[in-house]
Structure formats: structure tokens, C-alpha cells
Amino acid sequence: MAGSLVTGWLLVVVSTATAALCLARASAPDTGRCERRTARTEGAMGAGMALMAAPGLSGGTGVWGAVSLAALFAAIALRSLLFAGGEAHRLHHGIEAGAMVYMAVLMAHAAGTGAHHGHGGHGGHGGAGPPAATLALLAYFAAFVLRTGVRLAPAPAGPPAAAAGAAAGGGRWAPELGTACRLSLALGMVAMLVAL
């Protein structure tokens, strides 16, 4: 699902690195059960995003590859939404996985009809511009990126002892790492939606 070769491979590298980091966080012994489940979901999302961004996926094997990805993301979306329990990041996972289903369906359609322009050859826009669903998803993920980026911005430095205590209390993985993983995946979503 790559509009250009460079963009596609860059998304593959970033998504793969994000998936690897999330899965490493999930397997760390000091990670709690809830955080481990979240990290596994984010790792699966990153791996699926890397597959979807890979140049050539929408070619000859695109229909079955896209259908398989749609099924994977539908399962993640369903699980995330059913077990959200009021947790914002689980609801976000559901929306993100649903957006990936949407893009995978567009890829499967484009691969089945032989269209090859844009991300995955999505040729359903014609001259009317992107559909409302694409624009709504783009607005959501752009807002998520901005809000999350502000949350990750460093706070003004406090007393050195307090800063050292906060850093020491985070264990092997800093608590911001999960937020950074979600930010990385959301940036990938923005890039993929813009290229639709």
C-alpha cells in the first residue's frame, strides 16, 4: 500500500520497528498484565501496518493479502471495542483497527479491479476527492497525533532529585513508551490515509 517506493518502504521500516518495540515491551518481565495485552495489540497493529505499507502488496497477491489483513484487523477491532471497559487507548485501538479494515478493503477492491494508483491503487475517488470516511479518519488521527505529541513534549525541568526519582520509578520501560508506540502507529495511519 505505497504511493511511492520510498514512502512505502519508510512506512514498513517505522511500522516494523514500532511492532518490535511493542512486542519487546509485552515480553518484559516487569510489564503488568494489562500493559502486556496493550503492547501485544500495538505490536500486531504495527506488524499489520508494515505488511499493508509494503510496496507490491496490492499487486498480484493483493486481494488475498488484503482480505487476510482485513480479517486480522477486524478481529483486533472487535476485541478492542468489546473489552474497552472505558479505557481510551482500547477504544483508540478499535478505531485504528477499523481504519485498517477500511484501507484493506479498498486495497482488495483495487487489486481485484486492477487499479494501481495511490495507496494500494484505490481508484474509487474519481474526480470528486476522497470519500467522507477517509476525511473523517484523517481528521481523527491528525488530532490524535497532535494531542499525543503535546503530551509527550518534555515538561519544564524540576529539581534534579525529583527528576531522578521519576526516572528510576519507571522500571526498564518508561511509561511514555506505550504512548510513543501509539503516536508512531497514528503517524503511520495519517501517512497511509493521505496517500489513499
Protein backbone atom coordinates (compact mmCIF):
# COMPACT_ATOMS: atom_id res chain seq x y z
CA MET A 1 0.00 0.00 0.00
CA ALA A 2 2.62 2.54 -1.05
CA GLY A 3 2.05 5.62 -3.18
CA SER A 4 5.78 5.78 -3.84
CA LEU A 5 8.51 3.24 -3.29
CA VAL A 6 10.40 5.39 -0.78
CA THR A 7 7.28 6.28 1.24
CA GLY A 8 6.17 2.65 1.28
CA TRP A 9 9.49 1.29 2.50
CA LEU A 10 9.84 4.08 5.07
CA LEU A 11 6.43 3.12 6.49
CA VAL A 12 7.49 -0.53 6.51
CA VAL A 13 10.66 0.27 8.48
CA VAL A 14 8.92 2.55 11.02
CA SER A 15 5.98 0.15 11.49
CA THR A 16 8.26 -2.86 11.88
CA ALA A 17 10.43 -1.04 14.43
CA THR A 18 7.30 0.02 16.35
CA ALA A 19 5.96 -3.55 16.29
CA ALA A 20 9.29 -4.93 17.53
CA LEU A 21 9.46 -2.39 20.36
CA CYS A 22 5.86 -3.06 21.40
CA LEU A 23 6.38 -6.83 21.38
CA ALA A 24 9.62 -6.48 23.37
CA ARG A 25 7.70 -4.40 25.91
CA ALA A 26 4.99 -7.09 26.02
CA SER A 27 7.53 -9.80 26.82
CA ALA A 28 9.40 -7.87 29.51
CA PRO A 29 9.05 -9.46 32.96
CA ASP A 30 8.30 -6.14 34.67
CA THR A 31 5.34 -5.34 32.40
CA GLY A 32 1.91 -5.67 34.02
CA ARG A 33 -0.83 -7.89 32.58
CA CYS A 34 -2.95 -5.05 31.20
CA GLU A 35 0.05 -3.26 29.72
CA ARG A 36 1.28 -6.55 28.21
CA ARG A 37 -2.07 -7.07 26.44
CA THR A 38 -2.00 -3.48 25.16
CA ALA A 39 1.59 -3.87 23.93
CA ARG A 40 0.70 -7.11 22.10
CA THR A 41 -2.22 -5.38 20.37
CA GLU A 42 0.02 -2.49 19.33
CA GLY A 43 2.68 -4.94 18.13
CA ALA A 44 0.11 -6.74 15.96
CA MET A 45 -1.10 -3.40 14.60
CA GLY A 46 2.45 -2.36 13.74
CA ALA A 47 3.20 -5.66 12.01
CA GLY A 48 -0.03 -5.50 10.02
CA MET A 49 0.63 -1.88 9.09
CA ALA A 50 4.11 -2.85 7.84
CA LEU A 51 2.58 -5.57 5.65
CA MET A 52 -0.04 -3.19 4.34
CA ALA A 53 2.53 -0.49 3.54
CA ALA A 54 4.86 -2.91 1.73
CA PRO A 55 5.27 -1.89 -1.92
CA GLY A 56 3.84 -4.54 -4.20
CA LEU A 57 1.26 -5.93 -1.74
CA SER A 58 -1.55 -4.56 -3.87
CA GLY A 59 -0.16 -6.32 -6.93
CA GLY A 60 -0.88 -9.93 -7.88
CA THR A 61 -1.24 -11.20 -4.30
CA GLY A 62 -3.08 -8.10 -3.16
CA VAL A 63 -6.62 -9.48 -2.98
CA TRP A 64 -5.85 -12.37 -0.64
CA GLY A 65 -3.24 -10.39 1.29
CA ALA A 66 -5.66 -7.50 1.79
CA VAL A 67 -8.52 -9.83 2.76
CA SER A 68 -6.28 -11.56 5.32
CA LEU A 69 -5.23 -8.20 6.76
CA ALA A 70 -8.85 -7.07 6.88
CA ALA A 71 -9.76 -10.20 8.86
CA LEU A 72 -6.84 -9.66 11.28
CA PHE A 73 -7.74 -6.02 11.87
CA ALA A 74 -11.45 -6.80 12.19
CA ALA A 75 -10.62 -9.29 14.97
CA ILE A 76 -8.43 -6.69 16.72
CA ALA A 77 -11.14 -4.03 16.36
CA LEU A 78 -13.84 -6.31 17.72
CA ARG A 79 -11.71 -7.43 20.67
CA SER A 80 -10.63 -3.86 21.47
CA LEU A 81 -14.15 -2.47 21.35
CA LEU A 82 -15.75 -5.36 23.25
CA PHE A 83 -13.24 -5.16 26.08
CA ALA A 84 -12.67 -1.38 26.09
CA GLY A 85 -14.19 -1.00 29.55
CA GLY A 86 -13.97 2.77 29.34
CA GLU A 87 -10.23 2.72 28.62
CA ALA A 88 -9.47 5.37 25.99
CA HIS A 89 -6.49 3.55 24.47
CA ARG A 90 -8.59 0.42 23.86
CA LEU A 91 -11.25 2.49 22.12
CA HIS A 92 -8.45 4.07 20.07
CA HIS A 93 -7.18 0.58 19.15
CA GLY A 94 -10.67 -0.29 17.94
CA ILE A 95 -10.89 2.82 15.77
CA GLU A 96 -7.37 2.25 14.44
CA ALA A 97 -8.06 -1.39 13.60
CA GLY A 98 -11.36 -0.39 11.97
CA ALA A 99 -9.50 2.15 9.83
CA MET A 100 -7.07 -0.58 8.80
CA VAL A 101 -10.01 -2.80 7.79
CA TYR A 102 -11.34 0.11 5.71
CA MET A 103 -7.98 0.53 3.95
CA ALA A 104 -7.54 -3.23 3.45
CA VAL A 105 -10.97 -3.44 1.82
CA LEU A 106 -10.01 -0.59 -0.51
CA MET A 107 -6.77 -2.45 -1.30
CA ALA A 108 -8.62 -5.69 -2.04
CA HIS A 109 -11.07 -3.86 -4.30
CA ALA A 110 -8.28 -2.03 -6.12
CA ALA A 111 -6.23 -5.23 -6.54
CA GLY A 112 -9.29 -7.08 -7.80
CA THR A 113 -10.11 -4.41 -10.37
CA GLY A 114 -6.51 -3.90 -11.44
CA ALA A 115 -6.30 -0.25 -10.37
CA HIS A 116 -2.75 0.69 -9.33
CA HIS A 117 -2.60 4.36 -8.43
CA GLY A 118 -2.38 5.86 -4.98
CA HIS A 119 -2.03 3.68 -1.90
CA GLY A 120 -2.98 0.22 -2.97
CA GLY A 121 -4.40 1.57 -6.22
CA HIS A 122 -7.56 2.97 -4.65
CA GLY A 123 -9.34 4.22 -7.70
CA GLY A 124 -12.80 4.86 -6.24
CA HIS A 125 -12.36 8.58 -5.76
CA GLY A 126 -12.73 9.67 -9.34
CA GLY A 127 -12.61 13.45 -9.58
CA ALA A 128 -14.76 14.07 -6.53
CA GLY A 129 -11.92 13.84 -3.98
CA PRO A 130 -11.58 11.46 -1.06
CA PRO A 131 -14.71 9.96 0.49
CA ALA A 132 -16.05 11.30 3.77
CA ALA A 133 -14.85 8.21 5.67
CA THR A 134 -11.26 8.87 4.62
CA LEU A 135 -11.51 12.53 5.63
CA ALA A 136 -13.09 11.67 9.00
CA LEU A 137 -10.38 9.11 9.77
CA LEU A 138 -7.68 11.52 8.68
CA ALA A 139 -9.09 14.22 10.97
CA TYR A 140 -9.27 11.78 13.90
CA PHE A 141 -5.69 10.52 13.53
CA ALA A 142 -4.26 14.01 12.87
CA ALA A 143 -5.95 15.25 16.07
CA PHE A 144 -4.67 12.18 17.95
CA VAL A 145 -1.11 12.81 16.75
CA LEU A 146 -1.23 16.47 17.82
CA ARG A 147 -2.76 15.72 21.22
CA THR A 148 -0.37 12.84 21.93
CA GLY A 149 2.65 14.81 20.73
CA VAL A 150 1.83 17.58 23.18
CA ARG A 151 1.52 15.01 26.00
CA LEU A 152 4.95 13.59 25.15
CA ALA A 153 6.64 17.00 25.00
CA PRO A 154 9.11 17.37 27.84
CA ALA A 155 7.83 19.22 30.87
CA PRO A 156 9.86 22.05 32.36
CA ALA A 157 12.73 20.64 34.37
CA GLY A 158 12.06 20.36 38.08
CA PRO A 159 14.50 19.74 40.90
CA PRO A 160 17.17 17.16 39.90
CA ALA A 161 16.26 14.81 42.75
CA ALA A 162 12.59 14.68 41.71
CA ALA A 163 13.51 14.05 38.07
CA ALA A 164 15.89 11.24 39.04
CA GLY A 165 13.22 9.65 41.25
CA ALA A 166 10.65 9.74 38.45
CA ALA A 167 13.11 8.16 36.00
CA ALA A 168 14.06 5.44 38.47
CA GLY A 169 10.42 4.54 39.19
CA GLY A 170 9.65 3.61 35.59
CA GLY A 171 11.37 0.21 35.61
CA ARG A 172 13.07 -0.98 32.44
CA TRP A 173 10.44 0.56 30.15
CA ALA A 174 9.46 4.20 30.62
CA PRO A 175 5.69 4.70 30.93
CA GLU A 176 5.82 7.07 27.95
CA LEU A 177 6.90 4.22 25.68
CA GLY A 178 3.33 2.97 25.24
CA THR A 179 2.22 6.49 24.33
CA ALA A 180 5.12 6.76 21.87
CA CYS A 181 4.07 3.46 20.25
CA ARG A 182 0.51 4.74 19.79
CA LEU A 183 1.89 8.01 18.38
CA SER A 184 4.07 6.15 15.88
CA LEU A 185 1.17 3.99 14.71
CA ALA A 186 -1.11 7.03 14.40
CA LEU A 187 1.52 8.84 12.31
CA GLY A 188 1.62 5.81 10.02
CA MET A 189 -2.16 5.93 9.74
CA VAL A 190 -2.02 9.62 8.76
CA ALA A 191 0.57 8.86 6.06
CA MET A 192 -1.45 5.96 4.67
CA LEU A 193 -4.73 7.88 4.68
CA VAL A 194 -3.17 10.90 2.97
CA ALA A 195 -1.89 8.63 0.20
CA LEU A 196 -5.29 6.94 -0.39
